Amino acid sequence: MTVDINAYYGTWPYWPLINNDLDSMLRKMDRYEIEWAFLASLKGVFVDPAEGNREVLKVASEHSDRFRPALTYSPYASGKESFRRELEEAGVVLVKLYPVHHSYDPLEEPFIAELLEYCGKYGIPVMIPHRLMMTWRLPTFEIRKIGLLAEAHPETKLVIGSVNYLFELQTAFDVVRRYPNVFLDTSAMMAYREIEIAVKNIGAERLLHGTCNPLQNPAIGPLKIRTAQIDDADQRRILGGNVLTLLKERIPDASPRQGSQGSRPIPASE
């Protein structure tokens, strides 16, 4: 099974996108054998997190066999008070935080601490992208701060998203080695044999397949893992097995194709 931990939906404000409609995304997922993906709203990144969450919840409901929602919250945006109810009702879900785009420091925000504690308690992974996609022109969030969040919330599984190579990859490796609750997605790993390097440094069990589809060509994501000179078992872990392991506390069988009927109920009052 191949799972995409890092996909997007909506309109990109910087330059025109192609193949960003749902039909095109699904065709590409079929072509590259990506069974399902966590979908985050670009509207939630750039305009309105609450509206973005409603958008991807609707898409995930209409295409429950292929997409699961990746919800985002900001201390300064409306609708953040609904996070418990939304995460409870969403079933298999990911949280994505964008401190740079939403203008806050997660180490200084009580709401973010509350959200991370909730996610840790109920087995919801939280991704914090280093950058939105692989281009040096986009702003970045400091990787060391993700490590400090991992230290402050040891029960919460944190995923560092969209890290490329050289010094930022070195820093990401160091954070992953220091904190057992930190993982790294592969969406921005563009260096020669970078997957092999990552497996050697932090182990295949700490890597999660991502594409940044449709901001990046989704063909690259699974291809660089399937052609990497690593064990077949490690390839399967990175492509999807590790995500299912992260979600096992949330739902016994995490595949959307099985529906969400097996989801463990989560009290909204806690």
C-alpha atoms as a PDB file:
ATOM      1  CA  MET A   1       0.000   0.000   0.000  1.00  0.00           C
ATOM      2  CA  THR A   2       1.229   3.497  -0.883  1.00  0.00           C
ATOM      3  CA  VAL A   3      -0.016   6.417   1.219  1.00  0.00           C
ATOM      4  CA  ASP A   4       0.698  10.087   0.540  1.00  0.00           C
ATOM      5  CA  ILE A   5       1.154  11.906   3.840  1.00  0.00           C
ATOM      6  CA  ASN A   6       1.555  15.339   2.226  1.00  0.00           C
ATOM      7  CA  ALA A   7      -0.929  16.378  -0.496  1.00  0.00           C
ATOM      8  CA  TYR A   8      -2.822  19.609  -1.138  1.00  0.00           C
ATOM      9  CA  TYR A   9      -6.071  20.830  -2.652  1.00  0.00           C
ATOM     10  CA  GLY A  10      -7.081  24.195  -4.045  1.00  0.00           C
ATOM     11  CA  THR A  11      -5.524  27.244  -5.697  1.00  0.00           C
ATOM     12  CA  TRP A  12      -1.833  28.104  -5.457  1.00  0.00           C
ATOM     13  CA  PRO A  13      -1.311  31.888  -5.152  1.00  0.00           C
ATOM     14  CA  TYR A  14       2.211  32.139  -6.565  1.00  0.00           C
ATOM     15  CA  TRP A  15       1.942  30.711 -10.098  1.00  0.00           C
ATOM     16  CA  PRO A  16      -0.604  28.756 -12.169  1.00  0.00           C
ATOM     17  CA  LEU A  17      -1.051  25.094 -11.344  1.00  0.00           C
ATOM     18  CA  ILE A  18      -1.937  22.322 -13.742  1.00  0.00           C
ATOM     19  CA  ASN A  19      -3.742  19.102 -12.838  1.00  0.00           C
ATOM     20  CA  ASN A  20      -4.881  20.503  -9.484  1.00  0.00           C
ATOM     21  CA  ASP A  21      -8.536  19.497  -9.892  1.00  0.00           C
ATOM     22  CA  LEU A  22      -9.677  16.361  -8.078  1.00  0.00           C
ATOM     23  CA  ASP A  23     -10.175  14.267 -11.224  1.00  0.00           C
ATOM     24  CA  SER A  24      -6.628  14.969 -12.374  1.00  0.00           C
ATOM     25  CA  MET A  25      -5.229  14.250  -8.929  1.00  0.00           C
ATOM     26  CA  LEU A  26      -7.083  10.938  -8.773  1.00  0.00           C
ATOM     27  CA  ARG A  27      -5.869   9.932 -12.224  1.00  0.00           C
ATOM     28  CA  LYS A  28      -2.292  10.640 -11.214  1.00  0.00           C
ATOM     29  CA  MET A  29      -2.734   8.734  -7.979  1.00  0.00           C
ATOM     30  CA  ASP A  30      -3.998   5.757  -9.981  1.00  0.00           C
ATOM     31  CA  ARG A  31      -1.140   6.037 -12.465  1.00  0.00           C
ATOM     32  CA  TYR A  32       1.517   6.088  -9.747  1.00  0.00           C
ATOM     33  CA  GLU A  33      -0.253   3.536  -7.536  1.00  0.00           C
ATOM     34  CA  ILE A  34      -0.920   5.897  -4.632  1.00  0.00           C
ATOM     35  CA  GLU A  35      -3.882   4.333  -2.899  1.00  0.00           C
ATOM     36  CA  TRP A  36      -4.854   7.229  -0.668  1.00  0.00           C
ATOM     37  CA  ALA A  37      -3.655  10.606   0.527  1.00  0.00           C
ATOM     38  CA  PHE A  38      -4.001  13.092   3.352  1.00  0.00           C
ATOM     39  CA  LEU A  39      -5.358  16.265   1.779  1.00  0.00           C
ATOM     40  CA  ALA A  40      -4.704  19.758   3.177  1.00  0.00           C
ATOM     41  CA  SER A  41      -6.438  22.885   1.912  1.00  0.00           C
ATOM     42  CA  LEU A  42      -4.357  25.672   0.390  1.00  0.00           C
ATOM     43  CA  LYS A  43      -7.187  27.981   1.375  1.00  0.00           C
ATOM     44  CA  GLY A  44      -6.469  26.930   4.947  1.00  0.00           C
ATOM     45  CA  VAL A  45      -2.810  27.874   4.517  1.00  0.00           C
ATOM     46  CA  PHE A  46      -3.243  31.253   2.834  1.00  0.00           C
ATOM     47  CA  VAL A  47      -6.748  32.550   3.589  1.00  0.00           C
ATOM     48  CA  ASP A  48      -8.947  30.921   6.232  1.00  0.00           C
ATOM     49  CA  PRO A  49      -8.098  27.751   8.196  1.00  0.00           C
ATOM     50  CA  ALA A  50     -11.718  27.139   9.233  1.00  0.00           C
ATOM     51  CA  GLU A  51     -13.020  27.386   5.667  1.00  0.00           C
ATOM     52  CA  GLY A  52     -10.112  25.268   4.457  1.00  0.00           C
ATOM     53  CA  ASN A  53     -10.989  22.570   6.974  1.00  0.00           C
ATOM     54  CA  ARG A  54     -14.599  22.555   5.815  1.00  0.00           C
ATOM     55  CA  GLU A  55     -13.366  22.236   2.247  1.00  0.00           C
ATOM     56  CA  VAL A  56     -11.180  19.176   2.773  1.00  0.00           C
ATOM     57  CA  LEU A  57     -13.687  17.524   5.111  1.00  0.00           C
ATOM     58  CA  LYS A  58     -16.221  17.745   2.286  1.00  0.00           C
ATOM     59  CA  VAL A  59     -13.779  16.332  -0.272  1.00  0.00           C
ATOM     60  CA  ALA A  60     -12.757  13.514   2.075  1.00  0.00           C
ATOM     61  CA  SER A  61     -16.398  12.676   2.709  1.00  0.00           C
ATOM     62  CA  GLU A  62     -17.202  12.551  -1.008  1.00  0.00           C
ATOM     63  CA  HIS A  63     -14.067  10.520  -1.843  1.00  0.00           C
ATOM     64  CA  SER A  64     -13.621   8.546   1.368  1.00  0.00           C
ATOM     65  CA  ASP A  65     -11.927   5.676  -0.470  1.00  0.00           C
ATOM     66  CA  ARG A  66      -9.036   7.910  -1.623  1.00  0.00           C
ATOM     67  CA  PHE A  67      -8.662  10.947   0.627  1.00  0.00           C
ATOM     68  CA  ARG A  68      -8.446  11.671   4.314  1.00  0.00           C
ATOM     69  CA  PRO A  69      -8.447  15.212   5.729  1.00  0.00           C
ATOM     70  CA  ALA A  70      -5.385  17.048   6.970  1.00  0.00           C
ATOM     71  CA  LEU A  71      -6.818  19.828   9.136  1.00  0.00           C
ATOM     72  CA  THR A  72      -5.028  22.992  10.157  1.00  0.00           C
ATOM     73  CA  TYR A  73      -5.528  25.422  13.016  1.00  0.00           C
ATOM     74  CA  SER A  74      -4.107  28.787  13.994  1.00  0.00           C
ATOM     75  CA  PRO A  75      -4.185  30.554  17.374  1.00  0.00           C
ATOM     76  CA  TYR A  76      -5.426  33.692  15.614  1.00  0.00           C
ATOM     77  CA  ALA A  77      -8.046  32.247  13.257  1.00  0.00           C
ATOM     78  CA  SER A  78     -11.728  31.743  13.849  1.00  0.00           C
ATOM     79  CA  GLY A  79     -13.012  28.224  14.349  1.00  0.00           C
ATOM     80  CA  LYS A  80     -10.072  26.948  16.368  1.00  0.00           C
ATOM     81  CA  GLU A  81     -12.385  26.231  19.316  1.00  0.00           C
ATOM     82  CA  SER A  82     -14.012  23.465  17.252  1.00  0.00           C
ATOM     83  CA  PHE A  83     -10.873  21.382  16.896  1.00  0.00           C
ATOM     84  CA  ARG A  84     -11.976  18.625  19.304  1.00  0.00           C
ATOM     85  CA  ARG A  85     -15.303  18.090  17.572  1.00  0.00           C
ATOM     86  CA  GLU A  86     -13.780  18.259  14.090  1.00  0.00           C
ATOM     87  CA  LEU A  87     -10.990  15.817  14.890  1.00  0.00           C
ATOM     88  CA  GLU A  88     -13.406  13.445  16.608  1.00  0.00           C
ATOM     89  CA  GLU A  89     -15.795  13.403  13.665  1.00  0.00           C
ATOM     90  CA  ALA A  90     -13.046  13.174  11.030  1.00  0.00           C
ATOM     91  CA  GLY A  91     -11.930   9.670  12.066  1.00  0.00           C
ATOM     92  CA  VAL A  92      -8.580   8.990  10.397  1.00  0.00           C
ATOM     93  CA  VAL A  93      -7.085  12.453  10.288  1.00  0.00           C
ATOM     94  CA  LEU A  94      -3.819  14.388  10.242  1.00  0.00           C
ATOM     95  CA  VAL A  95      -3.174  17.862  11.674  1.00  0.00           C
ATOM     96  CA  LYS A  96      -0.889  20.240   9.767  1.00  0.00           C
ATOM     97  CA  LEU A  97       0.467  23.439  11.292  1.00  0.00           C
ATOM     98  CA  TYR A  98       1.821  26.433   9.354  1.00  0.00           C
ATOM     99  CA  PRO A  99       3.453  28.802  11.877  1.00  0.00           C
ATOM    100  CA  VAL A 100       5.200  30.873   9.201  1.00  0.00           C
ATOM    101  CA  HIS A 101       2.099  31.474   7.099  1.00  0.00           C
ATOM    102  CA  HIS A 102      -0.137  32.039  10.132  1.00  0.00           C
ATOM    103  CA  SER A 103       2.418  34.258  11.906  1.00  0.00           C
ATOM    104  CA  TYR A 104       2.943  32.634  15.286  1.00  0.00           C
ATOM    105  CA  ASP A 105       5.586  30.793  17.270  1.00  0.00           C
ATOM    106  CA  PRO A 106       4.139  27.403  18.337  1.00  0.00           C
ATOM    107  CA  LEU A 107       6.433  27.326  21.379  1.00  0.00           C
ATOM    108  CA  GLU A 108       4.727  30.425  22.771  1.00  0.00           C
ATOM    109  CA  GLU A 109       1.060  29.669  22.073  1.00  0.00           C
ATOM    110  CA  PRO A 110      -1.072  27.957  24.769  1.00  0.00           C
ATOM    111  CA  PHE A 111      -3.615  26.931  22.117  1.00  0.00           C
ATOM    112  CA  ILE A 112      -0.969  25.030  20.150  1.00  0.00           C
ATOM    113  CA  ALA A 113       0.183  23.280  23.323  1.00  0.00           C
ATOM    114  CA  GLU A 114      -3.428  22.270  24.027  1.00  0.00           C
ATOM    115  CA  LEU A 115      -3.871  21.015  20.449  1.00  0.00           C
ATOM    116  CA  LEU A 116      -0.634  19.005  20.529  1.00  0.00           C
ATOM    117  CA  GLU A 117      -1.542  17.403  23.850  1.00  0.00           C
ATOM    118  CA  TYR A 118      -4.932  16.395  22.470  1.00  0.00           C
ATOM    119  CA  CYS A 119      -3.356  14.927  19.334  1.00  0.00           C
ATOM    120  CA  GLY A 120      -0.873  12.984  21.446  1.00  0.00           C
ATOM    121  CA  LYS A 121      -3.599  11.608  23.678  1.00  0.00           C
ATOM    122  CA  TYR A 122      -5.732  10.404  20.780  1.00  0.00           C
ATOM    123  CA  GLY A 123      -3.113   9.213  18.310  1.00  0.00           C
ATOM    124  CA  ILE A 124      -3.353  11.991  15.728  1.00  0.00           C
ATOM    125  CA  PRO A 125      -0.048  12.712  13.935  1.00  0.00           C
ATOM    126  CA  VAL A 126       0.891  16.372  13.480  1.00  0.00           C
ATOM    127  CA  MET A 127       2.921  17.577  10.485  1.00  0.00           C
ATOM    128  CA  ILE A 128       4.819  20.854  10.486  1.00  0.00           C
ATOM    129  CA  PRO A 129       6.273  21.556   7.021  1.00  0.00           C
ATOM    130  CA  HIS A 130       9.734  23.076   6.921  1.00  0.00           C
ATOM    131  CA  ARG A 131       8.511  24.686   3.694  1.00  0.00           C
ATOM    132  CA  LEU A 132       5.330  24.192   1.657  1.00  0.00           C
ATOM    133  CA  MET A 133       7.068  22.534  -1.285  1.00  0.00           C
ATOM    134  CA  MET A 134      10.559  22.187  -2.715  1.00  0.00           C
ATOM    135  CA  THR A 135      11.545  25.618  -3.909  1.00  0.00           C
ATOM    136  CA  TRP A 136      14.194  27.725  -2.227  1.00  0.00           C
ATOM    137  CA  ARG A 137      12.024  30.834  -2.709  1.00  0.00           C
ATOM    138  CA  LEU A 138       9.450  29.814  -0.090  1.00  0.00           C
ATOM    139  CA  PRO A 139       9.795  30.758   3.596  1.00  0.00           C
ATOM    140  CA  THR A 140      10.885  28.067   6.036  1.00  0.00           C
ATOM    141  CA  PHE A 141      10.119  27.162   9.632  1.00  0.00           C
ATOM    142  CA  GLU A 142      13.061  26.401  11.908  1.00  0.00           C
ATOM    143  CA  ILE A 143      13.550  22.640  12.213  1.00  0.00           C
ATOM    144  CA  ARG A 144      15.135  22.919  15.681  1.00  0.00           C
ATOM    145  CA  LYS A 145      11.874  24.353  17.000  1.00  0.00           C
ATOM    146  CA  ILE A 146      10.042  21.208  15.886  1.00  0.00           C
ATOM    147  CA  GLY A 147      12.493  19.310  18.063  1.00  0.00           C
ATOM    148  CA  LEU A 148      11.662  21.532  21.022  1.00  0.00           C
ATOM    149  CA  LEU A 149       7.971  20.879  20.447  1.00  0.00           C
ATOM    150  CA  ALA A 150       8.696  17.141  20.379  1.00  0.00           C
ATOM    151  CA  GLU A 151      10.524  17.446  23.690  1.00  0.00           C
ATOM    152  CA  ALA A 152       7.626  19.377  25.241  1.00  0.00           C
ATOM    153  CA  HIS A 153       5.009  16.904  23.918  1.00  0.00           C
ATOM    154  CA  PRO A 154       6.641  13.461  23.947  1.00  0.00           C
ATOM    155  CA  GLU A 155       3.352  11.590  23.386  1.00  0.00           C
ATOM    156  CA  THR A 156       2.616  13.493  20.170  1.00  0.00           C
ATOM    157  CA  LYS A 157       3.904  12.111  16.873  1.00  0.00           C
ATOM    158  CA  LEU A 158       5.403  15.011  14.905  1.00  0.00           C
ATOM    159  CA  VAL A 159       6.269  14.854  11.209  1.00  0.00           C
ATOM    160  CA  ILE A 160       8.772  17.278   9.688  1.00  0.00           C
ATOM    161  CA  GLY A 161       7.569  18.000   6.155  1.00  0.00           C
ATOM    162  CA  SER A 162       9.349  19.078   2.973  1.00  0.00           C
ATOM    163  CA  VAL A 163      13.022  18.986   3.952  1.00  0.00           C
ATOM    164  CA  ASN A 164      15.508  18.932   1.098  1.00  0.00           C
ATOM    165  CA  TYR A 165      19.268  18.346   1.476  1.00  0.00           C
ATOM    166  CA  LEU A 166      22.557  19.684   2.899  1.00  0.00           C
ATOM    167  CA  PHE A 167      22.349  21.572   6.209  1.00  0.00           C
ATOM    168  CA  GLU A 168      18.575  21.328   6.611  1.00  0.00           C
ATOM    169  CA  LEU A 169      18.615  17.556   6.106  1.00  0.00           C
ATOM    170  CA  GLN A 170      21.495  17.264   8.590  1.00  0.00           C
ATOM    171  CA  THR A 171      19.472  19.225  11.151  1.00  0.00           C
ATOM    172  CA  ALA A 172      16.369  17.119  10.502  1.00  0.00           C
ATOM    173  CA  PHE A 173      18.378  13.916  11.010  1.00  0.00           C
ATOM    174  CA  ASP A 174      19.690  15.249  14.303  1.00  0.00           C
ATOM    175  CA  VAL A 175      16.177  16.122  15.527  1.00  0.00           C
ATOM    176  CA  VAL A 176      14.806  12.711  14.524  1.00  0.00           C
ATOM    177  CA  ARG A 177      17.668  10.927  16.300  1.00  0.00           C
ATOM    178  CA  ARG A 178      17.150  12.986  19.475  1.00  0.00           C
ATOM    179  CA  TYR A 179      13.374  12.546  19.711  1.00  0.00           C
ATOM    180  CA  PRO A 180      11.678   9.164  19.113  1.00  0.00           C
ATOM    181  CA  ASN A 181       8.335  10.862  18.422  1.00  0.00           C
ATOM    182  CA  VAL A 182       9.625  12.717  15.330  1.00  0.00           C
ATOM    183  CA  PHE A 183       9.361  11.478  11.733  1.00  0.00           C
ATOM    184  CA  LEU A 184      10.418  12.872   8.366  1.00  0.00           C
ATOM    185  CA  ASP A 185       8.456  12.993   5.125  1.00  0.00           C
ATOM    186  CA  THR A 186      10.148  12.423   1.775  1.00  0.00           C
ATOM    187  CA  SER A 187       8.320  14.966  -0.398  1.00  0.00           C
ATOM    188  CA  ALA A 188      11.241  17.405  -0.813  1.00  0.00           C
ATOM    189  CA  MET A 189      14.121  14.903  -0.794  1.00  0.00           C
ATOM    190  CA  MET A 190      15.655  15.672  -4.197  1.00  0.00           C
ATOM    191  CA  ALA A 191      19.357  14.855  -3.748  1.00  0.00           C
ATOM    192  CA  TYR A 192      21.041  11.884  -5.416  1.00  0.00           C
ATOM    193  CA  ARG A 193      20.450   8.706  -3.355  1.00  0.00           C
ATOM    194  CA  GLU A 194      18.896  10.769  -0.576  1.00  0.00           C
ATOM    195  CA  ILE A 195      16.476   8.000   0.411  1.00  0.00           C
ATOM    196  CA  GLU A 196      19.385   5.613   0.976  1.00  0.00           C
ATOM    197  CA  ILE A 197      21.199   8.302   2.969  1.00  0.00           C
ATOM    198  CA  ALA A 198      18.116   8.883   5.119  1.00  0.00           C
ATOM    199  CA  VAL A 199      17.595   5.177   5.777  1.00  0.00           C
ATOM    200  CA  LYS A 200      21.245   4.823   6.805  1.00  0.00           C
ATOM    201  CA  ASN A 201      21.069   7.819   9.150  1.00  0.00           C
ATOM    202  CA  ILE A 202      17.686   7.472  10.861  1.00  0.00           C
ATOM    203  CA  GLY A 203      16.223   4.146   9.714  1.00  0.00           C
ATOM    204  CA  ALA A 204      13.384   3.411   7.312  1.00  0.00           C
ATOM    205  CA  GLU A 205      10.881   3.280  10.178  1.00  0.00           C
ATOM    206  CA  ARG A 206      11.178   7.076  10.640  1.00  0.00           C
ATOM    207  CA  LEU A 207      10.419   8.008   7.010  1.00  0.00           C
ATOM    208  CA  LEU A 208       6.970   8.693   5.504  1.00  0.00           C
ATOM    209  CA  HIS A 209       6.190   8.961   1.807  1.00  0.00           C
ATOM    210  CA  GLY A 210       4.886  12.341   0.621  1.00  0.00           C
ATOM    211  CA  THR A 211       4.446  14.007  -2.773  1.00  0.00           C
ATOM    212  CA  CYS A 212       3.133  17.588  -2.299  1.00  0.00           C
ATOM    213  CA  ASN A 213       0.735  16.727  -5.125  1.00  0.00           C
ATOM    214  CA  PRO A 214      -0.274  18.856  -7.100  1.00  0.00           C
ATOM    215  CA  LEU A 215       2.376  21.448  -6.142  1.00  0.00           C
ATOM    216  CA  GLN A 216       4.990  18.921  -7.265  1.00  0.00           C
ATOM    217  CA  ASN A 217       4.841  16.099  -9.778  1.00  0.00           C
ATOM    218  CA  PRO A 218       3.494  13.128  -7.761  1.00  0.00           C
ATOM    219  CA  ALA A 219       5.412  10.652  -9.935  1.00  0.00           C
ATOM    220  CA  ILE A 220       8.650  11.564  -8.171  1.00  0.00           C
ATOM    221  CA  GLY A 221       7.463  10.658  -4.676  1.00  0.00           C
ATOM    222  CA  PRO A 222       6.984   6.901  -5.002  1.00  0.00           C
ATOM    223  CA  LEU A 223       9.569   6.510  -7.789  1.00  0.00           C
ATOM    224  CA  LYS A 224      12.533   7.624  -5.691  1.00  0.00           C
ATOM    225  CA  ILE A 225      11.539   5.138  -2.979  1.00  0.00           C
ATOM    226  CA  ARG A 226      10.782   2.219  -5.301  1.00  0.00           C
ATOM    227  CA  THR A 227      14.114   2.666  -7.100  1.00  0.00           C
ATOM    228  CA  ALA A 228      16.172   3.259  -3.948  1.00  0.00           C
ATOM    229  CA  GLN A 229      18.787   0.634  -3.147  1.00  0.00           C
ATOM    230  CA  ILE A 230      17.158  -0.431   0.105  1.00  0.00           C
ATOM    231  CA  ASP A 231      15.395  -3.599   1.234  1.00  0.00           C
ATOM    232  CA  ASP A 232      11.923  -4.298  -0.138  1.00  0.00           C
ATOM    233  CA  ALA A 233      10.633  -4.335   3.431  1.00  0.00           C
ATOM    234  CA  ASP A 234      12.059  -0.852   4.004  1.00  0.00           C
ATOM    235  CA  GLN A 235      10.421   0.378   0.794  1.00  0.00           C
ATOM    236  CA  ARG A 236       7.053  -0.898   2.009  1.00  0.00           C
ATOM    237  CA  ARG A 237       7.542   0.763   5.388  1.00  0.00           C
ATOM    238  CA  ILE A 238       8.283   4.147   3.830  1.00  0.00           C
ATOM    239  CA  LEU A 239       5.565   3.978   1.176  1.00  0.00           C
ATOM    240  CA  GLY A 240       2.766   3.230   3.602  1.00  0.00           C
ATOM    241  CA  GLY A 241       3.525   0.865   6.441  1.00  0.00           C
ATOM    242  CA  ASN A 242       4.888   3.527   8.761  1.00  0.00           C
ATOM    243  CA  VAL A 243       1.816   5.730   8.329  1.00  0.00           C
ATOM    244  CA  LEU A 244      -0.461   2.836   9.218  1.00  0.00           C
ATOM    245  CA  THR A 245       1.659   2.177  12.301  1.00  0.00           C
ATOM    246  CA  LEU A 246       1.288   5.815  13.359  1.00  0.00           C
ATOM    247  CA  LEU A 247      -2.474   5.578  12.926  1.00  0.00           C
ATOM    248  CA  LYS A 248      -3.001   2.259  14.663  1.00  0.00           C
ATOM    249  CA  GLU A 249      -4.090   3.975  17.892  1.00  0.00           C
ATOM    250  CA  ARG A 250      -6.679   5.918  15.928  1.00  0.00           C
ATOM    251  CA  ILE A 251      -8.303   3.101  13.986  1.00  0.00           C
ATOM    252  CA  PRO A 252      -7.520  -0.642  13.767  1.00  0.00           C
ATOM    253  CA  ASP A 253      -7.515  -0.665   9.941  1.00  0.00           C
ATOM    254  CA  ALA A 254      -6.484   2.793   8.785  1.00  0.00           C
ATOM    255  CA  SER A 255      -7.276   2.316   5.109  1.00  0.00           C
ATOM    256  CA  PRO A 256     -10.050   4.678   3.970  1.00  0.00           C
ATOM    257  CA  ARG A 257     -11.282   1.904   1.686  1.00  0.00           C
ATOM    258  CA  GLN A 258     -12.508   0.178   4.821  1.00  0.00           C
ATOM    259  CA  GLY A 259     -14.442   3.241   5.965  1.00  0.00           C
ATOM    260  CA  SER A 260     -14.239   4.758   9.439  1.00  0.00           C
ATOM    261  CA  GLN A 261     -16.670   2.509  11.261  1.00  0.00           C
ATOM    262  CA  GLY A 262     -13.858   1.025  13.312  1.00  0.00           C
ATOM    263  CA  SER A 263     -12.678   4.359  14.639  1.00  0.00           C
ATOM    264  CA  ARG A 264     -12.315   4.475  18.387  1.00  0.00           C
ATOM    265  CA  PRO A 265     -14.714   7.094  19.788  1.00  0.00           C
ATOM    266  CA  ILE A 266     -13.038  10.219  21.093  1.00  0.00           C
ATOM    267  CA  PRO A 267     -14.870  12.187  23.800  1.00  0.00           C
ATOM    268  CA  ALA A 268     -15.260  15.760  22.573  1.00  0.00           C
ATOM    269  CA  SER A 269     -15.336  17.023  26.139  1.00  0.00           C
ATOM    270  CA  GLU A 270     -11.776  15.974  26.941  1.00  0.00           C
END
